[in-house]
N, C-alpha and C. Protein backbone atom coordinates (compact mmCIF):
# COMPACT_ATOMS: atom_id res chain seq x y z
N MET A 1 104.79 129.87 81.70
CA MET A 1 105.16 128.80 82.43
C MET A 1 105.09 129.25 83.79
N ASP A 2 104.57 128.22 84.59
CA ASP A 2 103.99 128.56 85.85
C ASP A 2 105.67 128.26 86.80
N LYS A 3 105.62 128.76 88.08
CA LYS A 3 106.58 128.64 88.85
C LYS A 3 107.22 127.10 89.15
N TYR A 4 106.43 126.16 89.29
CA TYR A 4 107.19 124.82 89.19
C TYR A 4 107.50 124.19 87.94
N ALA A 5 107.13 124.68 86.73
CA ALA A 5 107.71 124.27 85.43
C ALA A 5 108.76 124.97 85.57
N ALA A 6 109.03 126.33 85.86
CA ALA A 6 110.37 127.00 85.74
C ALA A 6 111.38 126.35 86.72
N ALA A 7 110.98 126.05 87.84
CA ALA A 7 111.80 125.50 88.86
C ALA A 7 112.23 124.05 88.20
N GLY A 8 111.66 123.39 87.58
CA GLY A 8 112.02 121.99 87.06
C GLY A 8 113.00 122.03 86.07
N GLN A 9 112.79 123.19 85.09
CA GLN A 9 113.53 123.77 84.01
C GLN A 9 114.88 124.02 84.43
N LEU A 10 114.96 124.89 85.46
CA LEU A 10 116.13 125.44 86.03
C LEU A 10 116.81 124.10 86.55
N GLY A 11 116.10 123.15 87.16
CA GLY A 11 117.00 121.89 87.94
C GLY A 11 117.42 121.11 86.75
N GLY A 12 116.76 120.93 85.97
CA GLY A 12 117.48 120.06 84.79
C GLY A 12 118.64 120.91 83.89
N LEU A 13 118.48 121.79 83.82
CA LEU A 13 119.51 122.75 83.00
C LEU A 13 120.71 122.50 83.85
N THR A 14 120.50 122.85 85.21
CA THR A 14 121.56 122.63 86.09
C THR A 14 122.40 121.43 86.37
N ARG A 15 121.50 120.45 86.19
CA ARG A 15 121.99 119.04 86.47
C ARG A 15 122.67 118.47 85.09
N TRP A 16 122.07 118.85 83.87
CA TRP A 16 122.79 118.62 82.56
C TRP A 16 124.21 119.54 82.41
N ALA A 17 124.27 120.76 82.91
CA ALA A 17 125.25 121.60 82.63
C ALA A 17 126.73 121.01 83.50
N LYS A 18 126.39 120.14 84.61
CA LYS A 18 127.19 119.39 85.39
C LYS A 18 127.66 118.28 85.10
N GLU A 19 127.05 117.55 83.95
CA GLU A 19 127.41 116.28 83.60
C GLU A 19 128.00 115.93 82.46
N PRO A 20 129.47 115.34 82.86
CA PRO A 20 130.54 115.47 81.43
C PRO A 20 130.02 114.59 80.40
N ASP A 21 129.33 113.24 80.63
CA ASP A 21 129.12 112.25 79.95
C ASP A 21 127.42 112.36 79.90
N ARG A 22 126.85 112.81 78.80
CA ARG A 22 125.61 112.80 78.81
C ARG A 22 124.73 111.28 78.41
N GLN A 23 125.61 110.21 77.72
CA GLN A 23 125.16 109.47 77.29
C GLN A 23 124.62 108.59 78.45
N THR A 24 125.56 108.32 79.55
CA THR A 24 125.50 107.63 80.52
C THR A 24 124.30 107.52 81.40
N GLN A 25 124.03 108.74 81.95
CA GLN A 25 122.65 109.00 82.95
C GLN A 25 121.56 108.43 82.15
N PRO A 26 121.28 108.70 80.93
CA PRO A 26 119.96 108.34 80.59
C PRO A 26 120.07 106.54 80.71
N ARG A 27 121.12 106.09 80.02
CA ARG A 27 121.23 104.73 80.03
C ARG A 27 120.93 103.88 81.44
N ILE A 28 121.42 104.95 82.47
CA ILE A 28 121.31 104.22 83.86
C ILE A 28 119.85 104.39 84.12
N ALA A 29 119.12 105.64 83.84
CA ALA A 29 117.71 105.69 84.08
C ALA A 29 117.10 104.62 83.48
N ASN A 30 117.17 104.48 82.22
CA ASN A 30 116.26 103.55 81.32
C ASN A 30 116.39 101.84 82.04
N THR A 31 117.62 101.92 82.43
CA THR A 31 117.78 100.34 82.98
C THR A 31 117.02 99.85 84.34
N ALA A 32 117.10 101.31 85.07
CA ALA A 32 116.65 101.20 86.50
C ALA A 32 114.72 101.43 86.01
N PHE A 33 114.81 101.81 84.98
CA PHE A 33 112.93 102.01 84.82
C PHE A 33 112.65 100.52 84.18
N MET A 34 113.40 99.90 83.34
CA MET A 34 113.05 98.65 83.10
C MET A 34 113.04 97.42 83.79
N GLU A 35 113.93 97.46 85.26
CA GLU A 35 114.23 96.86 85.93
C GLU A 35 112.83 96.65 87.23
N ARG A 36 112.20 97.93 87.18
CA ARG A 36 110.80 97.82 87.88
C ARG A 36 109.93 97.04 87.24
N PHE A 37 109.91 96.76 85.92
CA PHE A 37 108.93 95.77 85.15
C PHE A 37 109.40 94.35 85.47
N GLU A 38 110.78 94.24 85.05
CA GLU A 38 111.18 92.82 85.50
C GLU A 38 110.93 91.96 86.86
N ARG A 39 111.21 93.25 87.69
CA ARG A 39 110.77 92.98 89.15
C ARG A 39 109.33 92.19 89.16
N GLU A 40 108.58 93.13 88.84
CA GLU A 40 107.01 92.84 88.49
C GLU A 40 106.80 91.44 88.12
N ALA A 41 107.54 91.28 87.17
CA ALA A 41 107.22 90.06 86.11
C ALA A 41 107.82 88.98 87.09
N ARG A 42 109.11 88.90 87.49
CA ARG A 42 109.54 87.92 88.52
C ARG A 42 108.69 87.81 89.63
N GLU A 43 108.03 88.79 90.34
CA GLU A 43 106.95 88.32 91.52
C GLU A 43 105.82 87.32 90.91
N LEU A 44 105.41 87.67 89.74
CA LEU A 44 104.20 87.09 89.13
C LEU A 44 104.53 85.86 88.51
N ALA A 45 105.74 85.65 88.17
CA ALA A 45 105.90 84.25 87.63
C ALA A 45 107.45 83.96 88.15
N PRO A 46 107.73 83.47 89.28
CA PRO A 46 109.09 83.17 89.90
C PRO A 46 109.86 82.66 88.85
N ASP A 47 108.97 81.20 88.32
CA ASP A 47 109.78 80.02 87.89
C ASP A 47 109.90 80.24 86.25
N ALA A 48 109.70 81.45 85.82
CA ALA A 48 109.70 81.79 84.29
C ALA A 48 111.02 81.79 83.76
N THR A 49 111.18 81.80 82.53
CA THR A 49 112.59 81.60 82.21
C THR A 49 112.54 83.14 81.69
N ASP A 50 114.11 83.44 81.60
CA ASP A 50 114.50 84.81 81.43
C ASP A 50 113.75 85.39 80.08
N GLU A 51 113.58 84.58 79.00
CA GLU A 51 113.10 85.02 78.03
C GLU A 51 111.28 85.20 78.26
N ILE A 52 110.68 84.60 78.86
CA ILE A 52 109.36 84.70 79.27
C ILE A 52 109.19 85.90 80.02
N ILE A 53 110.19 86.17 81.07
CA ILE A 53 110.21 87.60 81.84
C ILE A 53 110.29 88.76 81.11
N ALA A 54 111.34 88.43 80.20
CA ALA A 54 111.83 89.51 79.19
C ALA A 54 110.43 90.17 78.47
N LYS A 55 109.83 89.43 77.93
CA LYS A 55 108.43 89.36 77.12
C LYS A 55 107.36 89.80 78.41
N MET A 56 107.16 89.41 79.40
CA MET A 56 106.47 89.97 80.23
C MET A 56 106.55 91.56 80.73
N ALA A 57 107.82 91.61 80.90
CA ALA A 57 108.60 92.97 81.34
C ALA A 57 108.11 94.08 80.30
N ASP A 58 108.39 93.53 79.01
CA ASP A 58 107.81 94.54 77.68
C ASP A 58 106.52 94.69 77.69
N ALA A 59 105.50 93.72 78.02
CA ALA A 59 104.28 94.03 77.81
C ALA A 59 103.93 94.90 78.93
N ALA A 60 104.46 94.85 80.42
CA ALA A 60 104.25 95.44 81.37
C ALA A 60 104.30 97.15 80.84
N LYS A 61 105.66 97.29 80.41
CA LYS A 61 105.98 98.45 79.76
C LYS A 61 105.09 99.27 78.75
N ARG A 62 104.56 98.40 77.90
CA ARG A 62 103.62 98.88 76.88
C ARG A 62 102.44 99.18 77.34
N LEU A 63 102.09 98.47 78.63
CA LEU A 63 100.51 98.93 79.25
C LEU A 63 101.19 100.06 80.18
N TYR A 64 101.91 100.13 80.72
CA TYR A 64 102.13 101.33 81.54
C TYR A 64 102.15 102.81 80.56
N PHE A 65 102.66 102.40 79.47
CA PHE A 65 102.74 103.99 78.47
C PHE A 65 101.29 103.96 77.80
N ALA A 66 100.75 103.00 77.55
CA ALA A 66 99.26 102.86 77.18
C ALA A 66 97.99 103.78 77.96
N ARG A 67 98.36 103.26 79.22
CA ARG A 67 97.62 104.09 80.43
C ARG A 67 98.01 105.47 80.57
N LEU A 68 99.37 105.55 80.45
CA LEU A 68 99.74 106.99 80.56
C LEU A 68 99.22 108.31 79.54
N ALA A 69 99.22 107.32 78.45
CA ALA A 69 98.56 107.97 76.95
C ALA A 69 97.26 107.85 77.32
N HIS A 70 96.33 107.01 77.77
CA HIS A 70 94.75 107.38 78.08
C HIS A 70 94.58 108.46 79.14
N ARG A 71 95.37 108.44 80.36
CA ARG A 71 95.24 109.47 81.15
C ARG A 71 95.47 111.00 80.58
N SER A 72 96.30 110.81 79.67
CA SER A 72 96.66 112.30 79.04
C SER A 72 95.66 112.75 78.09
N VAL A 73 94.93 111.72 77.59
CA VAL A 73 93.86 112.31 76.47
C VAL A 73 92.97 112.89 77.41
N LYS A 74 92.47 111.76 78.33
CA LYS A 74 91.24 112.16 79.17
C LYS A 74 91.61 113.61 80.10
N ALA A 75 92.86 114.16 80.43
CA ALA A 75 93.03 115.38 80.79
C ALA A 75 93.08 116.29 79.83
N ARG A 76 93.49 116.34 78.80
CA ARG A 76 93.26 117.14 77.62
C ARG A 76 91.89 117.44 77.22
N ARG A 77 90.99 116.10 77.19
CA ARG A 77 89.55 116.53 76.93
C ARG A 77 88.89 117.43 77.87
N ALA A 78 89.15 117.05 79.39
CA ALA A 78 88.64 117.87 80.27
C ALA A 78 89.17 119.29 80.36
N ALA A 79 90.32 119.58 79.87
CA ALA A 79 90.80 120.95 79.82
C ALA A 79 90.09 121.62 79.03
N ALA A 80 89.96 120.98 77.50
CA ALA A 80 89.39 121.83 76.54
C ALA A 80 87.69 121.73 76.68
N ARG A 81 87.01 120.78 77.50
CA ARG A 81 85.76 121.09 77.91
C ARG A 81 85.90 122.30 78.99
N ALA A 82 86.51 122.26 79.87
CA ALA A 82 86.78 123.47 80.82
C ALA A 82 87.01 125.06 79.91
N ALA A 83 87.59 125.06 79.43
CA ALA A 83 87.99 126.19 78.48
C ALA A 83 86.77 126.48 77.63
N ALA A 84 86.26 125.55 76.94
CA ALA A 84 84.84 125.74 76.14
C ALA A 84 83.95 126.52 76.90
N ALA A 85 83.63 125.82 78.21
CA ALA A 85 82.52 126.25 78.92
C ALA A 85 83.05 127.70 79.49
N GLU A 86 84.40 127.98 79.66
CA GLU A 86 84.58 129.66 79.80
C GLU A 86 84.37 130.33 78.58
N GLY A 87 84.27 129.85 77.42
CA GLY A 87 84.51 130.78 76.37
C GLY A 87 85.78 130.85 75.92
N GLU A 88 86.81 130.27 75.92
CA GLU A 88 87.97 130.24 75.65
C GLU A 88 88.47 129.23 74.81
N ALA A 89 89.55 129.55 73.90
CA ALA A 89 90.07 128.60 72.92
C ALA A 89 90.93 127.63 74.22
N PRO A 90 91.02 126.29 73.51
CA PRO A 90 91.85 125.46 74.10
C PRO A 90 93.30 125.40 74.14
């Protein structure tokens, strides 16, 4: 584990060691995350109904995760190619 990963792990463990209600914080974070997509949908379609905004936000969230997965695949393939070029196992 590199020093940044170790620092992140320590920070996360410290944070959760001080949290009495482990259910509330993830809900708050998920709500804020979804609000981002709803804001973007409202900017694109200010006159749309709440139902349409919800569908657009859901589609935007799925697109976000699909792009994230695509970048992850590309990075893993590049790492595997680099390891193979150096004669290492991935």
